[in-house]
């Protein structure tokens, strides 16, 4: 389920600077976009929809990535 806490009190541009798109996250991990959607659904990292686009918190993604060695 999407977690909106990391976007509180920010405007859309700031939120986009503080997040990855699904495509960016997939490229970083070298996996499909479907895999990123599945990771978001499992709660692996914080994500939120901005309009119709899913965005992933850079902080939670990077922390998850550091711990996934």
PDB file of N, CA and C in Angstrom:
ATOM      1  N   UNK A   1       0.849  -1.185   0.000  1.00  0.00           N
ATOM      2  CA  UNK A   1       0.000   0.000   0.000  1.00  0.00           C
ATOM      3  C   UNK A   1       0.896   1.251   0.000  1.00  0.00           C
ATOM      4  N   UNK A   2       0.477   2.245  -0.687  1.00  0.00           N
ATOM      5  CA  UNK A   2       1.283   3.473  -0.799  1.00  0.00           C
ATOM      6  C   UNK A   2       1.336   4.202   0.536  1.00  0.00           C
ATOM      7  N   UNK A   3       2.480   4.759   0.847  1.00  0.00           N
ATOM      8  CA  UNK A   3       2.675   5.520   2.083  1.00  0.00           C
ATOM      9  C   UNK A   3       2.920   6.977   1.701  1.00  0.00           C
ATOM     10  N   UNK A   4       2.049   7.884   2.134  1.00  0.00           N
ATOM     11  CA  UNK A   4       2.126   9.281   1.730  1.00  0.00           C
ATOM     12  C   UNK A   4       2.898  10.158   2.706  1.00  0.00           C
ATOM     13  N   UNK A   5       3.401   9.637   3.802  1.00  0.00           N
ATOM     14  CA  UNK A   5       4.070  10.461   4.812  1.00  0.00           C
ATOM     15  C   UNK A   5       5.258  11.236   4.267  1.00  0.00           C
ATOM     16  N   UNK A   6       6.060  10.639   3.410  1.00  0.00           N
ATOM     17  CA  UNK A   6       7.266  11.318   2.958  1.00  0.00           C
ATOM     18  C   UNK A   6       6.969  12.515   2.059  1.00  0.00           C
ATOM     19  N   UNK A   7       5.718  12.659   1.633  1.00  0.00           N
ATOM     20  CA  UNK A   7       5.352  13.776   0.774  1.00  0.00           C
ATOM     21  C   UNK A   7       4.614  14.889   1.506  1.00  0.00           C
ATOM     22  N   UNK A   8       4.391  14.752   2.805  1.00  0.00           N
ATOM     23  CA  UNK A   8       3.659  15.783   3.541  1.00  0.00           C
ATOM     24  C   UNK A   8       4.374  17.121   3.442  1.00  0.00           C
ATOM     25  N   UNK A   9       3.568  18.173   3.294  1.00  0.00           N
ATOM     26  CA  UNK A   9       4.053  19.554   3.274  1.00  0.00           C
ATOM     27  C   UNK A   9       5.070  19.838   2.173  1.00  0.00           C
ATOM     28  N   UNK A  10       4.967  19.174   1.049  1.00  0.00           N
ATOM     29  CA  UNK A  10       5.853  19.462  -0.086  1.00  0.00           C
ATOM     30  C   UNK A  10       5.000  19.716  -1.319  1.00  0.00           C
ATOM     31  N   UNK A  11       5.536  20.476  -2.245  1.00  0.00           N
ATOM     32  CA  UNK A  11       4.832  20.654  -3.512  1.00  0.00           C
ATOM     33  C   UNK A  11       5.245  19.545  -4.473  1.00  0.00           C
ATOM     34  N   UNK A  12       4.579  19.472  -5.602  1.00  0.00           N
ATOM     35  CA  UNK A  12       4.814  18.387  -6.552  1.00  0.00           C
ATOM     36  C   UNK A  12       6.269  18.345  -7.039  1.00  0.00           C
ATOM     37  N   UNK A  13       6.848  19.496  -7.379  1.00  0.00           N
ATOM     38  CA  UNK A  13       8.228  19.503  -7.869  1.00  0.00           C
ATOM     39  C   UNK A  13       9.201  18.996  -6.815  1.00  0.00           C
ATOM     40  N   UNK A  14       9.032  19.447  -5.581  1.00  0.00           N
ATOM     41  CA  UNK A  14       9.895  18.987  -4.510  1.00  0.00           C
ATOM     42  C   UNK A  14       9.719  17.482  -4.296  1.00  0.00           C
ATOM     43  N   UNK A  15       8.493  17.017  -4.362  1.00  0.00           N
ATOM     44  CA  UNK A  15       8.220  15.583  -4.193  1.00  0.00           C
ATOM     45  C   UNK A  15       8.921  14.780  -5.279  1.00  0.00           C
ATOM     46  N   UNK A  16       8.910  15.279  -6.498  1.00  0.00           N
ATOM     47  CA  UNK A  16       9.555  14.549  -7.590  1.00  0.00           C
ATOM     48  C   UNK A  16      11.070  14.544  -7.433  1.00  0.00           C
ATOM     49  N   UNK A  17      11.648  15.597  -6.866  1.00  0.00           N
ATOM     50  CA  UNK A  17      13.084  15.619  -6.613  1.00  0.00           C
ATOM     51  C   UNK A  17      13.463  14.626  -5.519  1.00  0.00           C
ATOM     52  N   UNK A  18      12.534  14.356  -4.611  1.00  0.00           N
ATOM     53  CA  UNK A  18      12.794  13.473  -3.481  1.00  0.00           C
ATOM     54  C   UNK A  18      12.359  12.042  -3.751  1.00  0.00           C
ATOM     55  N   UNK A  19      12.068  11.733  -5.020  1.00  0.00           N
ATOM     56  CA  UNK A  19      11.575  10.404  -5.339  1.00  0.00           C
ATOM     57  C   UNK A  19      12.112   9.921  -6.680  1.00  0.00           C
ATOM     58  N   UNK A  20      11.993   8.602  -6.871  1.00  0.00           N
ATOM     59  CA  UNK A  20      12.345   7.968  -8.150  1.00  0.00           C
ATOM     60  C   UNK A  20      11.064   7.587  -8.867  1.00  0.00           C
ATOM     61  N   UNK A  21      11.098   7.596 -10.178  1.00  0.00           N
ATOM     62  CA  UNK A  21       9.995   7.022 -10.946  1.00  0.00           C
ATOM     63  C   UNK A  21      10.179   5.501 -10.935  1.00  0.00           C
ATOM     64  N   UNK A  22       9.153   4.782 -11.312  1.00  0.00           N
ATOM     65  CA  UNK A  22       9.247   3.324 -11.398  1.00  0.00           C
ATOM     66  C   UNK A  22      10.331   2.932 -12.398  1.00  0.00           C
ATOM     67  N   UNK A  23      10.406   3.652 -13.505  1.00  0.00           N
ATOM     68  CA  UNK A  23      11.430   3.343 -14.529  1.00  0.00           C
ATOM     69  C   UNK A  23      12.843   3.545 -13.981  1.00  0.00           C
ATOM     70  N   UNK A  24      13.046   4.643 -13.240  1.00  0.00           N
ATOM     71  CA  UNK A  24      14.371   4.901 -12.652  1.00  0.00           C
ATOM     72  C   UNK A  24      14.747   3.809 -11.660  1.00  0.00           C
ATOM     73  N   UNK A  25      13.810   3.433 -10.806  1.00  0.00           N
ATOM     74  CA  UNK A  25      14.080   2.390  -9.813  1.00  0.00           C
ATOM     75  C   UNK A  25      14.369   1.057 -10.495  1.00  0.00           C
ATOM     76  N   UNK A  26      13.613   0.734 -11.538  1.00  0.00           N
ATOM     77  CA  UNK A  26      13.836  -0.510 -12.275  1.00  0.00           C
ATOM     78  C   UNK A  26      15.212  -0.526 -12.925  1.00  0.00           C
ATOM     79  N   UNK A  27      15.611   0.609 -13.473  1.00  0.00           N
ATOM     80  CA  UNK A  27      16.934   0.702 -14.107  1.00  0.00           C
ATOM     81  C   UNK A  27      18.051   0.534 -13.078  1.00  0.00           C
ATOM     82  N   UNK A  28      17.899   1.153 -11.925  1.00  0.00           N
ATOM     83  CA  UNK A  28      18.908   1.044 -10.867  1.00  0.00           C
ATOM     84  C   UNK A  28      19.083  -0.407 -10.449  1.00  0.00           C
ATOM     85  N   UNK A  29      17.969  -1.128 -10.292  1.00  0.00           N
ATOM     86  CA  UNK A  29      18.032  -2.515  -9.838  1.00  0.00           C
ATOM     87  C   UNK A  29      18.252  -3.515 -10.971  1.00  0.00           C
ATOM     88  N   UNK A  30      18.045  -3.074 -12.209  1.00  0.00           N
ATOM     89  CA  UNK A  30      18.190  -3.983 -13.346  1.00  0.00           C
ATOM     90  C   UNK A  30      17.067  -5.010 -13.402  1.00  0.00           C
ATOM     91  N   UNK A  31      15.857  -4.578 -13.052  1.00  0.00           N
ATOM     92  CA  UNK A  31      14.689  -5.463 -13.061  1.00  0.00           C
ATOM     93  C   UNK A  31      13.569  -4.807 -13.862  1.00  0.00           C
ATOM     94  N   UNK A  32      12.476  -5.531 -14.024  1.00  0.00           N
ATOM     95  CA  UNK A  32      11.330  -4.987 -14.758  1.00  0.00           C
ATOM     96  C   UNK A  32      10.546  -4.006 -13.892  1.00  0.00           C
ATOM     97  N   UNK A  33       9.762  -3.167 -14.562  1.00  0.00           N
ATOM     98  CA  UNK A  33       8.894  -2.243 -13.821  1.00  0.00           C
ATOM     99  C   UNK A  33       7.888  -3.017 -12.986  1.00  0.00           C
ATOM    100  N   UNK A  34       7.424  -4.164 -13.476  1.00  0.00           N
ATOM    101  CA  UNK A  34       6.485  -5.005 -12.721  1.00  0.00           C
ATOM    102  C   UNK A  34       7.110  -5.424 -11.389  1.00  0.00           C
ATOM    103  N   UNK A  35       8.400  -5.728 -11.392  1.00  0.00           N
ATOM    104  CA  UNK A  35       9.084  -6.094 -10.140  1.00  0.00           C
ATOM    105  C   UNK A  35       9.064  -4.934  -9.150  1.00  0.00           C
ATOM    106  N   UNK A  36       9.222  -3.717  -9.647  1.00  0.00           N
ATOM    107  CA  UNK A  36       9.180  -2.541  -8.770  1.00  0.00           C
ATOM    108  C   UNK A  36       7.783  -2.374  -8.194  1.00  0.00           C
ATOM    109  N   UNK A  37       6.752  -2.537  -9.031  1.00  0.00           N
ATOM    110  CA  UNK A  37       5.376  -2.455  -8.523  1.00  0.00           C
ATOM    111  C   UNK A  37       5.145  -3.510  -7.438  1.00  0.00           C
ATOM    112  N   UNK A  38       5.663  -4.706  -7.646  1.00  0.00           N
ATOM    113  CA  UNK A  38       5.511  -5.771  -6.652  1.00  0.00           C
ATOM    114  C   UNK A  38       6.232  -5.423  -5.354  1.00  0.00           C
ATOM    115  N   UNK A  39       7.428  -4.847  -5.454  1.00  0.00           N
ATOM    116  CA  UNK A  39       8.161  -4.434  -4.256  1.00  0.00           C
ATOM    117  C   UNK A  39       7.410  -3.333  -3.507  1.00  0.00           C
ATOM    118  N   UNK A  40       6.823  -2.409  -4.246  1.00  0.00           N
ATOM    119  CA  UNK A  40       6.021  -1.356  -3.603  1.00  0.00           C
ATOM    120  C   UNK A  40       4.828  -1.966  -2.878  1.00  0.00           C
ATOM    121  N   UNK A  41       4.172  -2.893  -3.544  1.00  0.00           N
ATOM    122  CA  UNK A  41       2.992  -3.535  -2.950  1.00  0.00           C
ATOM    123  C   UNK A  41       3.353  -4.327  -1.696  1.00  0.00           C
ATOM    124  N   UNK A  42       4.566  -4.871  -1.661  1.00  0.00           N
ATOM    125  CA  UNK A  42       4.988  -5.658  -0.499  1.00  0.00           C
ATOM    126  C   UNK A  42       5.443  -4.771   0.658  1.00  0.00           C
ATOM    127  N   UNK A  43       5.578  -3.459   0.390  1.00  0.00           N
ATOM    128  CA  UNK A  43       6.000  -2.541   1.440  1.00  0.00           C
ATOM    129  C   UNK A  43       7.507  -2.443   1.588  1.00  0.00           C
ATOM    130  N   UNK A  44       8.242  -2.866   0.570  1.00  0.00           N
ATOM    131  CA  UNK A  44       9.709  -2.833   0.640  1.00  0.00           C
ATOM    132  C   UNK A  44      10.230  -1.409   0.829  1.00  0.00           C
ATOM    133  N   UNK A  45       9.563  -0.444   0.247  1.00  0.00           N
ATOM    134  CA  UNK A  45       9.923   0.959   0.416  1.00  0.00           C
ATOM    135  C   UNK A  45       8.677   1.820   0.232  1.00  0.00           C
ATOM    136  N   UNK A  46       8.762   3.070   0.678  1.00  0.00           N
ATOM    137  CA  UNK A  46       7.621   3.983   0.616  1.00  0.00           C
ATOM    138  C   UNK A  46       7.397   4.448  -0.813  1.00  0.00           C
ATOM    139  N   UNK A  47       6.135   4.506  -1.180  1.00  0.00           N
ATOM    140  CA  UNK A  47       5.782   4.985  -2.516  1.00  0.00           C
ATOM    141  C   UNK A  47       4.465   5.737  -2.426  1.00  0.00           C
ATOM    142  N   UNK A  48       4.216   6.540  -3.453  1.00  0.00           N
ATOM    143  CA  UNK A  48       2.987   7.331  -3.502  1.00  0.00           C
ATOM    144  C   UNK A  48       2.638   7.620  -4.954  1.00  0.00           C
ATOM    145  N   UNK A  49       1.374   7.802  -5.211  1.00  0.00           N
ATOM    146  CA  UNK A  49       0.942   8.206  -6.546  1.00  0.00           C
ATOM    147  C   UNK A  49       0.865   9.722  -6.601  1.00  0.00           C
ATOM    148  N   UNK A  50       1.458  10.293  -7.625  1.00  0.00           N
ATOM    149  CA  UNK A  50       1.324  11.721  -7.919  1.00  0.00           C
ATOM    150  C   UNK A  50       0.588  11.762  -9.243  1.00  0.00           C
ATOM    151  N   UNK A  51      -0.671  12.135  -9.202  1.00  0.00           N
ATOM    152  CA  UNK A  51      -1.505  12.012 -10.384  1.00  0.00           C
ATOM    153  C   UNK A  51      -1.664  10.537 -10.696  1.00  0.00           C
ATOM    154  N   UNK A  52      -1.264  10.146 -11.880  1.00  0.00           N
ATOM    155  CA  UNK A  52      -1.356   8.732 -12.248  1.00  0.00           C
ATOM    156  C   UNK A  52      -0.017   8.011 -12.140  1.00  0.00           C
ATOM    157  N   UNK A  53       1.030   8.736 -11.773  1.00  0.00           N
ATOM    158  CA  UNK A  53       2.378   8.159 -11.721  1.00  0.00           C
ATOM    159  C   UNK A  53       2.742   7.706 -10.317  1.00  0.00           C
ATOM    160  N   UNK A  54       3.337   6.540 -10.224  1.00  0.00           N
ATOM    161  CA  UNK A  54       3.840   6.046  -8.941  1.00  0.00           C
ATOM    162  C   UNK A  54       5.249   6.583  -8.740  1.00  0.00           C
ATOM    163  N   UNK A  55       5.510   7.157  -7.584  1.00  0.00           N
ATOM    164  CA  UNK A  55       6.835   7.669  -7.238  1.00  0.00           C
ATOM    165  C   UNK A  55       7.307   6.945  -5.985  1.00  0.00           C
ATOM    166  N   UNK A  56       8.609   6.735  -5.880  1.00  0.00           N
ATOM    167  CA  UNK A  56       9.209   5.984  -4.782  1.00  0.00           C
ATOM    168  C   UNK A  56      10.148   6.900  -4.017  1.00  0.00           C
ATOM    169  N   UNK A  57       9.992   6.941  -2.718  1.00  0.00           N
ATOM    170  CA  UNK A  57      10.841   7.773  -1.868  1.00  0.00           C
ATOM    171  C   UNK A  57      12.301   7.408  -2.070  1.00  0.00           C
ATOM    172  N   UNK A  58      13.116   8.405  -2.446  1.00  0.00           N
ATOM    173  CA  UNK A  58      14.557   8.159  -2.620  1.00  0.00           C
ATOM    174  C   UNK A  58      15.184   7.647  -1.330  1.00  0.00           C
ATOM    175  N   UNK A  59      14.808   8.263  -0.216  1.00  0.00           N
ATOM    176  CA  UNK A  59      15.387   7.880   1.065  1.00  0.00           C
ATOM    177  C   UNK A  59      15.081   6.422   1.399  1.00  0.00           C
ATOM    178  N   UNK A  60      13.816   6.037   1.329  1.00  0.00           N
ATOM    179  CA  UNK A  60      13.478   4.659   1.697  1.00  0.00           C
ATOM    180  C   UNK A  60      14.035   3.666   0.678  1.00  0.00           C
ATOM    181  N   UNK A  61      14.055   4.039  -0.615  1.00  0.00           N
ATOM    182  CA  UNK A  61      14.614   3.155  -1.640  1.00  0.00           C
ATOM    183  C   UNK A  61      16.108   2.956  -1.416  1.00  0.00           C
ATOM    184  N   UNK A  62      16.827   4.050  -1.198  1.00  0.00           N
ATOM    185  CA  UNK A  62      18.272   3.962  -0.977  1.00  0.00           C
ATOM    186  C   UNK A  62      18.601   3.183   0.288  1.00  0.00           C
ATOM    187  N   UNK A  63      17.807   3.385   1.345  1.00  0.00           N
ATOM    188  CA  UNK A  63      18.024   2.622   2.584  1.00  0.00           C
ATOM    189  C   UNK A  63      17.752   1.136   2.331  1.00  0.00           C
ATOM    190  N   UNK A  64      16.693   0.813   1.606  1.00  0.00           N
ATOM    191  CA  UNK A  64      16.371  -0.569   1.277  1.00  0.00           C
ATOM    192  C   UNK A  64      17.495  -1.171   0.441  1.00  0.00           C
ATOM    193  N   UNK A  65      17.999  -0.422  -0.530  1.00  0.00           N
ATOM    194  CA  UNK A  65      19.065  -0.886  -1.404  1.00  0.00           C
ATOM    195  C   UNK A  65      20.342  -1.162  -0.613  1.00  0.00           C
ATOM    196  N   UNK A  66      20.682  -0.270   0.308  1.00  0.00           N
ATOM    197  CA  UNK A  66      21.880  -0.473   1.151  1.00  0.00           C
ATOM    198  C   UNK A  66      21.766  -1.718   2.006  1.00  0.00           C
ATOM    199  N   UNK A  67      20.558  -2.053   2.419  1.00  0.00           N
ATOM    200  CA  UNK A  67      20.355  -3.219   3.275  1.00  0.00           C
ATOM    201  C   UNK A  67      20.109  -4.501   2.524  1.00  0.00           C
ATOM    202  N   UNK A  68      20.083  -4.447   1.193  1.00  0.00           N
ATOM    203  CA  UNK A  68      19.747  -5.642   0.410  1.00  0.00           C
ATOM    204  C   UNK A  68      20.964  -6.363  -0.172  1.00  0.00           C
ATOM    205  N   UNK A  69      22.145  -6.057   0.333  1.00  0.00           N
ATOM    206  CA  UNK A  69      23.382  -6.667  -0.203  1.00  0.00           C
ATOM    207  C   UNK A  69      23.340  -8.151  -0.203  1.00  0.00           C
TER     208      UNK A  69
END
